[in-house]
Amino acid sequence: MIGRTGRARAVAKALTLLLPAAPYADMEKIRADAMRPHMKTLPPSTAVWLAAVAHVRHEHTGYEALLDEGYDRDSARFFVIDETNAVLTRWRATRLLDPDDEE
């Protein structure tokens, strides 16, 4: 269980604002990833966004299968952007991936 530090509260708030309809199990995984040490230098909203996109990509799209087929990361990410955005839309995300933006 993550302690209720100011950072943890800020991450929880950012997660609720970004993904108001995400399933609890997914939210908990995203929250844990956003609290990892390598994310602590980022603003909570940025850490949550990056954790959410990575979680959706790895757990709810064909990204891993594309990597297994030999696609490089950038190509695999490109091919799952619509799947990723579909999940984010179902979760009523306040932000979606833009295929023209670099992550």
PDB file of N, CA and C in Angstrom:
ATOM      1  N   MET A   1       0.850  -1.182   0.000  1.00  0.00           N
ATOM      2  CA  MET A   1       0.000   0.000   0.000  1.00  0.00           C
ATOM      3  C   MET A   1       0.892   1.241   0.000  1.00  0.00           C
ATOM      4  N   ILE A   2       0.566   2.159  -0.833  1.00  0.00           N
ATOM      5  CA  ILE A   2       1.334   3.396  -0.945  1.00  0.00           C
ATOM      6  C   ILE A   2       0.918   4.327   0.174  1.00  0.00           C
ATOM      7  N   GLY A   3       1.903   4.885   0.853  1.00  0.00           N
ATOM      8  CA  GLY A   3       1.596   5.843   1.897  1.00  0.00           C
ATOM      9  C   GLY A   3       0.912   7.072   1.328  1.00  0.00           C
ATOM     10  N   ARG A   4       0.171   7.764   2.145  1.00  0.00           N
ATOM     11  CA  ARG A   4      -0.580   8.930   1.682  1.00  0.00           C
ATOM     12  C   ARG A   4       0.255  10.191   1.776  1.00  0.00           C
ATOM     13  N   THR A   5       1.349  10.200   1.041  1.00  0.00           N
ATOM     14  CA  THR A   5       2.191  11.388   0.957  1.00  0.00           C
ATOM     15  C   THR A   5       1.504  12.406   0.059  1.00  0.00           C
ATOM     16  N   GLY A   6       2.037  13.601   0.039  1.00  0.00           N
ATOM     17  CA  GLY A   6       1.507  14.610  -0.875  1.00  0.00           C
ATOM     18  C   GLY A   6       1.603  14.135  -2.312  1.00  0.00           C
ATOM     19  N   ARG A   7       2.681  13.471  -2.662  1.00  0.00           N
ATOM     20  CA  ARG A   7       2.855  12.941  -4.021  1.00  0.00           C
ATOM     21  C   ARG A   7       1.775  11.904  -4.321  1.00  0.00           C
ATOM     22  N   ALA A   8       1.534  11.000  -3.380  1.00  0.00           N
ATOM     23  CA  ALA A   8       0.523   9.962  -3.600  1.00  0.00           C
ATOM     24  C   ALA A   8      -0.863  10.569  -3.788  1.00  0.00           C
ATOM     25  N   ARG A   9      -1.174  11.580  -3.009  1.00  0.00           N
ATOM     26  CA  ARG A   9      -2.475  12.249  -3.156  1.00  0.00           C
ATOM     27  C   ARG A   9      -2.569  12.944  -4.518  1.00  0.00           C
ATOM     28  N   ALA A  10      -1.488  13.584  -4.935  1.00  0.00           N
ATOM     29  CA  ALA A  10      -1.474  14.277  -6.226  1.00  0.00           C
ATOM     30  C   ALA A  10      -1.609  13.279  -7.380  1.00  0.00           C
ATOM     31  N   VAL A  11      -0.961  12.144  -7.282  1.00  0.00           N
ATOM     32  CA  VAL A  11      -1.062  11.107  -8.308  1.00  0.00           C
ATOM     33  C   VAL A  11      -2.487  10.563  -8.347  1.00  0.00           C
ATOM     34  N   ALA A  12      -3.066  10.297  -7.187  1.00  0.00           N
ATOM     35  CA  ALA A  12      -4.436   9.788  -7.122  1.00  0.00           C
ATOM     36  C   ALA A  12      -5.413  10.780  -7.755  1.00  0.00           C
ATOM     37  N   LYS A  13      -5.238  12.050  -7.459  1.00  0.00           N
ATOM     38  CA  LYS A  13      -6.117  13.078  -8.030  1.00  0.00           C
ATOM     39  C   LYS A  13      -5.939  13.154  -9.542  1.00  0.00           C
ATOM     40  N   ALA A  14      -4.695  13.154 -10.010  1.00  0.00           N
ATOM     41  CA  ALA A  14      -4.428  13.218 -11.453  1.00  0.00           C
ATOM     42  C   ALA A  14      -5.017  12.005 -12.167  1.00  0.00           C
ATOM     43  N   LEU A  15      -4.932  10.847 -11.546  1.00  0.00           N
ATOM     44  CA  LEU A  15      -5.463   9.625 -12.140  1.00  0.00           C
ATOM     45  C   LEU A  15      -6.984   9.695 -12.260  1.00  0.00           C
ATOM     46  N   THR A  16      -7.638  10.160 -11.221  1.00  0.00           N
ATOM     47  CA  THR A  16      -9.097  10.299 -11.245  1.00  0.00           C
ATOM     48  C   THR A  16      -9.535  11.310 -12.291  1.00  0.00           C
ATOM     49  N   LEU A  17      -8.788  12.399 -12.417  1.00  0.00           N
ATOM     50  CA  LEU A  17      -9.128  13.410 -13.418  1.00  0.00           C
ATOM     51  C   LEU A  17      -8.891  12.909 -14.838  1.00  0.00           C
ATOM     52  N   LEU A  18      -7.802  12.180 -15.054  1.00  0.00           N
ATOM     53  CA  LEU A  18      -7.454  11.710 -16.393  1.00  0.00           C
ATOM     54  C   LEU A  18      -8.351  10.567 -16.861  1.00  0.00           C
ATOM     55  N   LEU A  19      -8.618   9.615 -15.971  1.00  0.00           N
ATOM     56  CA  LEU A  19      -9.324   8.390 -16.354  1.00  0.00           C
ATOM     57  C   LEU A  19     -10.498   8.111 -15.414  1.00  0.00           C
ATOM     58  N   PRO A  20     -11.531   8.916 -15.457  1.00  0.00           N
ATOM     59  CA  PRO A  20     -12.616   8.778 -14.483  1.00  0.00           C
ATOM     60  C   PRO A  20     -13.375   7.461 -14.539  1.00  0.00           C
ATOM     61  N   ALA A  21     -13.348   6.756 -15.659  1.00  0.00           N
ATOM     62  CA  ALA A  21     -14.116   5.513 -15.774  1.00  0.00           C
ATOM     63  C   ALA A  21     -13.239   4.270 -15.925  1.00  0.00           C
ATOM     64  N   ALA A  22     -11.965   4.383 -15.609  1.00  0.00           N
ATOM     65  CA  ALA A  22     -11.074   3.223 -15.717  1.00  0.00           C
ATOM     66  C   ALA A  22     -11.425   2.202 -14.630  1.00  0.00           C
ATOM     67  N   PRO A  23     -11.310   0.926 -14.949  1.00  0.00           N
ATOM     68  CA  PRO A  23     -11.549  -0.111 -13.936  1.00  0.00           C
ATOM     69  C   PRO A  23     -10.551   0.011 -12.787  1.00  0.00           C
ATOM     70  N   TYR A  24     -11.013  -0.348 -11.601  1.00  0.00           N
ATOM     71  CA  TYR A  24     -10.195  -0.218 -10.393  1.00  0.00           C
ATOM     72  C   TYR A  24      -8.857  -0.948 -10.528  1.00  0.00           C
ATOM     73  N   ALA A  25      -8.876  -2.175 -11.021  1.00  0.00           N
ATOM     74  CA  ALA A  25      -7.634  -2.949 -11.121  1.00  0.00           C
ATOM     75  C   ALA A  25      -6.616  -2.246 -12.021  1.00  0.00           C
ATOM     76  N   ASP A  26      -7.088  -1.669 -13.112  1.00  0.00           N
ATOM     77  CA  ASP A  26      -6.187  -0.935 -13.998  1.00  0.00           C
ATOM     78  C   ASP A  26      -5.689   0.336 -13.319  1.00  0.00           C
ATOM     79  N   MET A  27      -6.583   1.035 -12.629  1.00  0.00           N
ATOM     80  CA  MET A  27      -6.176   2.268 -11.944  1.00  0.00           C
ATOM     81  C   MET A  27      -5.097   1.995 -10.908  1.00  0.00           C
ATOM     82  N   GLU A  28      -5.226   0.888 -10.192  1.00  0.00           N
ATOM     83  CA  GLU A  28      -4.221   0.558  -9.176  1.00  0.00           C
ATOM     84  C   GLU A  28      -2.858   0.285  -9.804  1.00  0.00           C
ATOM     85  N   LYS A  29      -2.832  -0.398 -10.933  1.00  0.00           N
ATOM     86  CA  LYS A  29      -1.559  -0.664 -11.616  1.00  0.00           C
ATOM     87  C   LYS A  29      -0.948   0.629 -12.147  1.00  0.00           C
ATOM     88  N   ILE A  30      -1.784   1.483 -12.711  1.00  0.00           N
ATOM     89  CA  ILE A  30      -1.297   2.762 -13.235  1.00  0.00           C
ATOM     90  C   ILE A  30      -0.780   3.625 -12.095  1.00  0.00           C
ATOM     91  N   ARG A  31      -1.517   3.665 -10.989  1.00  0.00           N
ATOM     92  CA  ARG A  31      -1.091   4.441  -9.813  1.00  0.00           C
ATOM     93  C   ARG A  31       0.274   3.957  -9.320  1.00  0.00           C
ATOM     94  N   ALA A  32       0.437   2.652  -9.209  1.00  0.00           N
ATOM     95  CA  ALA A  32       1.711   2.095  -8.746  1.00  0.00           C
ATOM     96  C   ALA A  32       2.849   2.466  -9.697  1.00  0.00           C
ATOM     97  N   ASP A  33       2.597   2.380 -10.998  1.00  0.00           N
ATOM     98  CA  ASP A  33       3.635   2.737 -11.970  1.00  0.00           C
ATOM     99  C   ASP A  33       3.977   4.227 -11.908  1.00  0.00           C
ATOM    100  N   ALA A  34       2.960   5.065 -11.717  1.00  0.00           N
ATOM    101  CA  ALA A  34       3.195   6.515 -11.635  1.00  0.00           C
ATOM    102  C   ALA A  34       3.982   6.889 -10.381  1.00  0.00           C
ATOM    103  N   MET A  35       3.968   6.025  -9.372  1.00  0.00           N
ATOM    104  CA  MET A  35       4.695   6.279  -8.123  1.00  0.00           C
ATOM    105  C   MET A  35       6.100   5.675  -8.114  1.00  0.00           C
ATOM    106  N   ARG A  36       6.484   5.001  -9.170  1.00  0.00           N
ATOM    107  CA  ARG A  36       7.810   4.378  -9.203  1.00  0.00           C
ATOM    108  C   ARG A  36       8.892   5.448  -9.124  1.00  0.00           C
ATOM    109  N   PRO A  37      10.042   5.081  -8.588  1.00  0.00           N
ATOM    110  CA  PRO A  37      11.114   6.071  -8.376  1.00  0.00           C
ATOM    111  C   PRO A  37      11.500   6.871  -9.619  1.00  0.00           C
ATOM    112  N   HIS A  38      11.543   6.248 -10.787  1.00  0.00           N
ATOM    113  CA  HIS A  38      11.972   6.975 -11.998  1.00  0.00           C
ATOM    114  C   HIS A  38      10.939   8.002 -12.453  1.00  0.00           C
ATOM    115  N   MET A  39       9.750   7.993 -11.873  1.00  0.00           N
ATOM    116  CA  MET A  39       8.709   8.966 -12.242  1.00  0.00           C
ATOM    117  C   MET A  39       8.652  10.147 -11.273  1.00  0.00           C
ATOM    118  N   LYS A  40       9.373  10.073 -10.174  1.00  0.00           N
ATOM    119  CA  LYS A  40       9.249  11.089  -9.119  1.00  0.00           C
ATOM    120  C   LYS A  40       9.687  12.486  -9.528  1.00  0.00           C
ATOM    121  N   THR A  41      10.494  12.595 -10.544  1.00  0.00           N
ATOM    122  CA  THR A  41      10.928  13.930 -10.975  1.00  0.00           C
ATOM    123  C   THR A  41       9.903  14.596 -11.896  1.00  0.00           C
ATOM    124  N   LEU A  42       8.927  13.832 -12.339  1.00  0.00           N
ATOM    125  CA  LEU A  42       7.901  14.360 -13.242  1.00  0.00           C
ATOM    126  C   LEU A  42       6.723  14.917 -12.451  1.00  0.00           C
ATOM    127  N   PRO A  43       6.015  15.887 -13.011  1.00  0.00           N
ATOM    128  CA  PRO A  43       4.775  16.329 -12.370  1.00  0.00           C
ATOM    129  C   PRO A  43       3.813  15.136 -12.291  1.00  0.00           C
ATOM    130  N   PRO A  44       2.991  15.063 -11.250  1.00  0.00           N
ATOM    131  CA  PRO A  44       2.077  13.926 -11.108  1.00  0.00           C
ATOM    132  C   PRO A  44       1.214  13.677 -12.347  1.00  0.00           C
ATOM    133  N   SER A  45       0.712  14.728 -12.978  1.00  0.00           N
ATOM    134  CA  SER A  45      -0.140  14.534 -14.154  1.00  0.00           C
ATOM    135  C   SER A  45       0.635  13.891 -15.301  1.00  0.00           C
ATOM    136  N   THR A  46       1.888  14.243 -15.462  1.00  0.00           N
ATOM    137  CA  THR A  46       2.720  13.653 -16.511  1.00  0.00           C
ATOM    138  C   THR A  46       3.041  12.198 -16.191  1.00  0.00           C
ATOM    139  N   ALA A  47       3.376  11.923 -14.939  1.00  0.00           N
ATOM    140  CA  ALA A  47       3.671  10.550 -14.522  1.00  0.00           C
ATOM    141  C   ALA A  47       2.451   9.656 -14.740  1.00  0.00           C
ATOM    142  N   VAL A  48       1.274  10.151 -14.403  1.00  0.00           N
ATOM    143  CA  VAL A  48       0.045   9.371 -14.583  1.00  0.00           C
ATOM    144  C   VAL A  48      -0.214   9.136 -16.068  1.00  0.00           C
ATOM    145  N   TRP A  49      -0.061  10.158 -16.888  1.00  0.00           N
ATOM    146  CA  TRP A  49      -0.286  10.006 -18.324  1.00  0.00           C
ATOM    147  C   TRP A  49       0.648   8.963 -18.915  1.00  0.00           C
ATOM    148  N   LEU A  50       1.937   9.055 -18.620  1.00  0.00           N
ATOM    149  CA  LEU A  50       2.907   8.102 -19.161  1.00  0.00           C
ATOM    150  C   LEU A  50       2.622   6.688 -18.667  1.00  0.00           C
ATOM    151  N   ALA A  51       2.298   6.546 -17.381  1.00  0.00           N
ATOM    152  CA  ALA A  51       1.979   5.232 -16.817  1.00  0.00           C
ATOM    153  C   ALA A  51       0.712   4.664 -17.445  1.00  0.00           C
ATOM    154  N   ALA A  52      -0.281   5.518 -17.664  1.00  0.00           N
ATOM    155  CA  ALA A  52      -1.551   5.071 -18.247  1.00  0.00           C
ATOM    156  C   ALA A  52      -1.351   4.584 -19.673  1.00  0.00           C
ATOM    157  N   VAL A  53      -0.642   5.357 -20.472  1.00  0.00           N
ATOM    158  CA  VAL A  53      -0.414   4.974 -21.874  1.00  0.00           C
ATOM    159  C   VAL A  53       0.373   3.665 -21.938  1.00  0.00           C
ATOM    160  N   ALA A  54       1.406   3.544 -21.134  1.00  0.00           N
ATOM    161  CA  ALA A  54       2.201   2.312 -21.137  1.00  0.00           C
ATOM    162  C   ALA A  54       1.353   1.122 -20.695  1.00  0.00           C
ATOM    163  N   HIS A  55       0.558   1.306 -19.665  1.00  0.00           N
ATOM    164  CA  HIS A  55      -0.293   0.219 -19.174  1.00  0.00           C
ATOM    165  C   HIS A  55      -1.279  -0.229 -20.253  1.00  0.00           C
ATOM    166  N   VAL A  56      -1.983   0.723 -20.835  1.00  0.00           N
ATOM    167  CA  VAL A  56      -2.958   0.382 -21.871  1.00  0.00           C
ATOM    168  C   VAL A  56      -2.263  -0.311 -23.030  1.00  0.00           C
ATOM    169  N   ARG A  57      -1.152   0.226 -23.451  1.00  0.00           N
ATOM    170  CA  ARG A  57      -0.423  -0.336 -24.598  1.00  0.00           C
ATOM    171  C   ARG A  57      -0.033  -1.792 -24.338  1.00  0.00           C
ATOM    172  N   HIS A  58       0.502  -2.050 -23.156  1.00  0.00           N
ATOM    173  CA  HIS A  58       1.003  -3.394 -22.848  1.00  0.00           C
ATOM    174  C   HIS A  58      -0.098  -4.376 -22.475  1.00  0.00           C
ATOM    175  N   GLU A  59      -1.160  -3.902 -21.843  1.00  0.00           N
ATOM    176  CA  GLU A  59      -2.174  -4.808 -21.307  1.00  0.00           C
ATOM    177  C   GLU A  59      -3.457  -4.902 -22.140  1.00  0.00           C
ATOM    178  N   HIS A  60      -3.716  -3.930 -22.987  1.00  0.00           N
ATOM    179  CA  HIS A  60      -5.013  -3.881 -23.663  1.00  0.00           C
ATOM    180  C   HIS A  60      -4.930  -3.744 -25.184  1.00  0.00           C
ATOM    181  N   THR A  61      -3.752  -3.927 -25.751  1.00  0.00           N
ATOM    182  CA  THR A  61      -3.591  -3.842 -27.209  1.00  0.00           C
ATOM    183  C   THR A  61      -2.723  -5.000 -27.693  1.00  0.00           C
ATOM    184  N   GLY A  62      -2.516  -5.051 -28.978  1.00  0.00           N
ATOM    185  CA  GLY A  62      -1.662  -6.080 -29.572  1.00  0.00           C
ATOM    186  C   GLY A  62      -0.188  -5.704 -29.618  1.00  0.00           C
ATOM    187  N   TYR A  63       0.211  -4.731 -28.804  1.00  0.00           N
ATOM    188  CA  TYR A  63       1.595  -4.231 -28.816  1.00  0.00           C
ATOM    189  C   TYR A  63       2.623  -5.343 -28.603  1.00  0.00           C
ATOM    190  N   GLU A  64       2.428  -6.133 -27.573  1.00  0.00           N
ATOM    191  CA  GLU A  64       3.405  -7.189 -27.256  1.00  0.00           C
ATOM    192  C   GLU A  64       3.516  -8.192 -28.401  1.00  0.00           C
ATOM    193  N   ALA A  65       2.386  -8.527 -29.025  1.00  0.00           N
ATOM    194  CA  ALA A  65       2.404  -9.461 -30.156  1.00  0.00           C
ATOM    195  C   ALA A  65       3.204  -8.878 -31.328  1.00  0.00           C
ATOM    196  N   LEU A  66       3.047  -7.586 -31.562  1.00  0.00           N
ATOM    197  CA  LEU A  66       3.819  -6.945 -32.636  1.00  0.00           C
ATOM    198  C   LEU A  66       5.316  -6.988 -32.339  1.00  0.00           C
ATOM    199  N   LEU A  67       5.685  -6.753 -31.096  1.00  0.00           N
ATOM    200  CA  LEU A  67       7.103  -6.851 -30.727  1.00  0.00           C
ATOM    201  C   LEU A  67       7.609  -8.274 -30.942  1.00  0.00           C
ATOM    202  N   ASP A  68       6.775  -9.256 -30.539  1.00  0.00           N
ATOM    203  CA  ASP A  68       7.154 -10.664 -30.721  1.00  0.00           C
ATOM    204  C   ASP A  68       7.322 -11.021 -32.197  1.00  0.00           C
ATOM    205  N   GLU A  69       6.583 -10.328 -33.069  1.00  0.00           N
ATOM    206  CA  GLU A  69       6.688 -10.576 -34.510  1.00  0.00           C
ATOM    207  C   GLU A  69       7.888  -9.870 -35.130  1.00  0.00           C
ATOM    208  N   GLY A  70       8.615  -9.076 -34.342  1.00  0.00           N
ATOM    209  CA  GLY A  70       9.819  -8.440 -34.847  1.00  0.00           C
ATOM    210  C   GLY A  70       9.711  -6.959 -35.153  1.00  0.00           C
ATOM    211  N   TYR A  71       8.545  -6.372 -34.899  1.00  0.00           N
ATOM    212  CA  TYR A  71       8.417  -4.930 -35.108  1.00  0.00           C
ATOM    213  C   TYR A  71       9.242  -4.185 -34.064  1.00  0.00           C
ATOM    214  N   ASP A  72       9.828  -3.056 -34.471  1.00  0.00           N
ATOM    215  CA  ASP A  72      10.530  -2.234 -33.491  1.00  0.00           C
ATOM    216  C   ASP A  72       9.484  -1.481 -32.656  1.00  0.00           C
ATOM    217  N   ARG A  73       9.912  -0.916 -31.538  1.00  0.00           N
ATOM    218  CA  ARG A  73       8.984  -0.254 -30.605  1.00  0.00           C
ATOM    219  C   ARG A  73       8.184   0.855 -31.259  1.00  0.00           C
ATOM    220  N   ASP A  74       8.845   1.712 -32.027  1.00  0.00           N
ATOM    221  CA  ASP A  74       8.131   2.832 -32.639  1.00  0.00           C
ATOM    222  C   ASP A  74       7.066   2.358 -33.625  1.00  0.00           C
ATOM    223  N   SER A  75       7.387   1.363 -34.418  1.00  0.00           N
ATOM    224  CA  SER A  75       6.406   0.829 -35.373  1.00  0.00           C
ATOM    225  C   SER A  75       5.242   0.175 -34.631  1.00  0.00           C
ATOM    226  N   ALA A  76       5.548  -0.616 -33.621  1.00  0.00           N
ATOM    227  CA  ALA A  76       4.492  -1.277 -32.846  1.00  0.00           C
ATOM    228  C   ALA A  76       3.597  -0.241 -32.175  1.00  0.00           C
ATOM    229  N   ARG A  77       4.188   0.805 -31.631  1.00  0.00           N
ATOM    230  CA  ARG A  77       3.396   1.874 -31.012  1.00  0.00           C
ATOM    231  C   ARG A  77       2.482   2.532 -32.032  1.00  0.00           C
ATOM    232  N   PHE A  78       2.992   2.767 -33.230  1.00  0.00           N
ATOM    233  CA  PHE A  78       2.193   3.375 -34.284  1.00  0.00           C
ATOM    234  C   PHE A  78       0.984   2.498 -34.614  1.00  0.00           C
ATOM    235  N   PHE A  79       1.203   1.206 -34.732  1.00  0.00           N
ATOM    236  CA  PHE A  79       0.121   0.309 -35.141  1.00  0.00           C
ATOM    237  C   PHE A  79      -0.940   0.099 -34.064  1.00  0.00           C
ATOM    238  N   VAL A  80      -0.644   0.389 -32.807  1.00  0.00           N
ATOM    239  CA  VAL A  80      -1.648   0.201 -31.749  1.00  0.00           C
ATOM    240  C   VAL A  80      -2.238   1.515 -31.246  1.00  0.00           C
ATOM    241  N   ILE A  81      -1.946   2.616 -31.903  1.00  0.00           N
ATOM    242  CA  ILE A  81      -2.441   3.902 -31.410  1.00  0.00           C
ATOM    243  C   ILE A  81      -3.972   3.958 -31.392  1.00  0.00           C
ATOM    244  N   ASP A  82      -4.623   3.408 -32.409  1.00  0.00           N
ATOM    245  CA  ASP A  82      -6.086   3.427 -32.429  1.00  0.00           C
ATOM    246  C   ASP A  82      -6.663   2.545 -31.318  1.00  0.00           C
ATOM    247  N   GLU A  83      -6.063   1.376 -31.101  1.00  0.00           N
ATOM    248  CA  GLU A  83      -6.501   0.496 -30.006  1.00  0.00           C
ATOM    249  C   GLU A  83      -6.311   1.194 -28.662  1.00  0.00           C
ATOM    250  N   THR A  84      -5.179   1.852 -28.497  1.00  0.00           N
ATOM    251  CA  THR A  84      -4.890   2.564 -27.252  1.00  0.00           C
ATOM    252  C   THR A  84      -5.920   3.658 -27.025  1.00  0.00           C
ATOM    253  N   ASN A  85      -6.174   4.452 -28.035  1.00  0.00           N
ATOM    254  CA  ASN A  85      -7.152   5.532 -27.904  1.00  0.00           C
ATOM    255  C   ASN A  85      -8.562   5.003 -27.670  1.00  0.00           C
ATOM    256  N   ALA A  86      -8.896   3.842 -28.229  1.00  0.00           N
ATOM    257  CA  ALA A  86     -10.221   3.247 -27.989  1.00  0.00           C
ATOM    258  C   ALA A  86     -10.400   2.901 -26.512  1.00  0.00           C
ATOM    259  N   VAL A  87      -9.364   2.333 -25.907  1.00  0.00           N
ATOM    260  CA  VAL A  87      -9.431   2.019 -24.474  1.00  0.00           C
ATOM    261  C   VAL A  87      -9.523   3.306 -23.669  1.00  0.00           C
ATOM    262  N   LEU A  88      -8.688   4.272 -23.985  1.00  0.00           N
ATOM    263  CA  LEU A  88      -8.728   5.546 -23.261  1.00  0.00           C
ATOM    264  C   LEU A  88     -10.109   6.201 -23.389  1.00  0.00           C
ATOM    265  N   THR A  89     -10.712   6.094 -24.548  1.00  0.00           N
ATOM    266  CA  THR A  89     -12.045   6.658 -24.753  1.00  0.00           C
ATOM    267  C   THR A  89     -13.077   5.934 -23.888  1.00  0.00           C
ATOM    268  N   ARG A  90     -13.012   4.601 -23.847  1.00  0.00           N
ATOM    269  CA  ARG A  90     -13.931   3.837 -22.980  1.00  0.00           C
ATOM    270  C   ARG A  90     -13.794   4.256 -21.523  1.00  0.00           C
ATOM    271  N   TRP A  91     -12.579   4.604 -21.141  1.00  0.00           N
ATOM    272  CA  TRP A  91     -12.319   5.012 -19.758  1.00  0.00           C
ATOM    273  C   TRP A  91     -12.578   6.505 -19.553  1.00  0.00           C
ATOM    274  N   ARG A  92     -13.148   7.153 -20.571  1.00  0.00           N
ATOM    275  CA  ARG A  92     -13.485   8.576 -20.555  1.00  0.00           C
ATOM    276  C   ARG A  92     -12.265   9.452 -20.254  1.00  0.00           C
ATOM    277  N   ALA A  93     -11.156   9.110 -20.869  1.00  0.00           N
ATOM    278  CA  ALA A  93      -9.919   9.870 -20.690  1.00  0.00           C
ATOM    279  C   ALA A  93     -10.103  11.306 -21.165  1.00  0.00           C
ATOM    280  N   THR A  94      -9.459  12.204 -20.476  1.00  0.00           N
ATOM    281  CA  THR A  94      -9.515  13.617 -20.848  1.00  0.00           C
ATOM    282  C   THR A  94      -8.445  13.968 -21.871  1.00  0.00           C
ATOM    283  N   ARG A  95      -7.680  12.975 -22.286  1.00  0.00           N
ATOM    284  CA  ARG A  95      -6.600  13.167 -23.247  1.00  0.00           C
ATOM    285  C   ARG A  95      -6.443  11.893 -24.046  1.00  0.00           C
ATOM    286  N   LEU A  96      -6.078  12.010 -25.305  1.00  0.00           N
ATOM    287  CA  LEU A  96      -5.800  10.852 -26.155  1.00  0.00           C
ATOM    288  C   LEU A  96      -4.429  11.032 -26.808  1.00  0.00           C
ATOM    289  N   LEU A  97      -3.918   9.935 -27.347  1.00  0.00           N
ATOM    290  CA  LEU A  97      -2.655  10.007 -28.072  1.00  0.00           C
ATOM    291  C   LEU A  97      -2.887  10.677 -29.420  1.00  0.00           C
ATOM    292  N   ASP A  98      -1.960  11.503 -29.807  1.00  0.00           N
ATOM    293  CA  ASP A  98      -1.982  12.135 -31.127  1.00  0.00           C
ATOM    294  C   ASP A  98      -0.906  11.439 -31.955  1.00  0.00           C
ATOM    295  N   PRO A  99      -1.286  10.830 -33.077  1.00  0.00           N
ATOM    296  CA  PRO A  99      -0.288  10.103 -33.871  1.00  0.00           C
ATOM    297  C   PRO A  99       0.832  10.988 -34.391  1.00  0.00           C
ATOM    298  N   ASP A 100       0.630  12.285 -34.417  1.00  0.00           N
ATOM    299  CA  ASP A 100       1.657  13.202 -34.925  1.00  0.00           C
ATOM    300  C   ASP A 100       2.623  13.676 -33.847  1.00  0.00           C
ATOM    301  N   ASP A 101       2.324  13.376 -32.574  1.00  0.00           N
ATOM    302  CA  ASP A 101       3.195  13.795 -31.469  1.00  0.00           C
ATOM    303  C   ASP A 101       4.220  12.733 -31.156  1.00  0.00           C
ATOM    304  N   GLU A 102       5.361  13.188 -30.716  1.00  0.00           N
ATOM    305  CA  GLU A 102       6.372  12.277 -30.188  1.00  0.00           C
ATOM    306  C   GLU A 102       6.085  12.119 -28.706  1.00  0.00           C
ATOM    307  N   GLU A 103       6.276  10.900 -28.186  1.00  0.00           N
ATOM    308  CA  GLU A 103       6.026  10.695 -26.752  1.00  0.00           C
ATOM    309  C   GLU A 103       7.181  11.140 -25.923  1.00  0.00           C
TER     310      GLU A 103
END
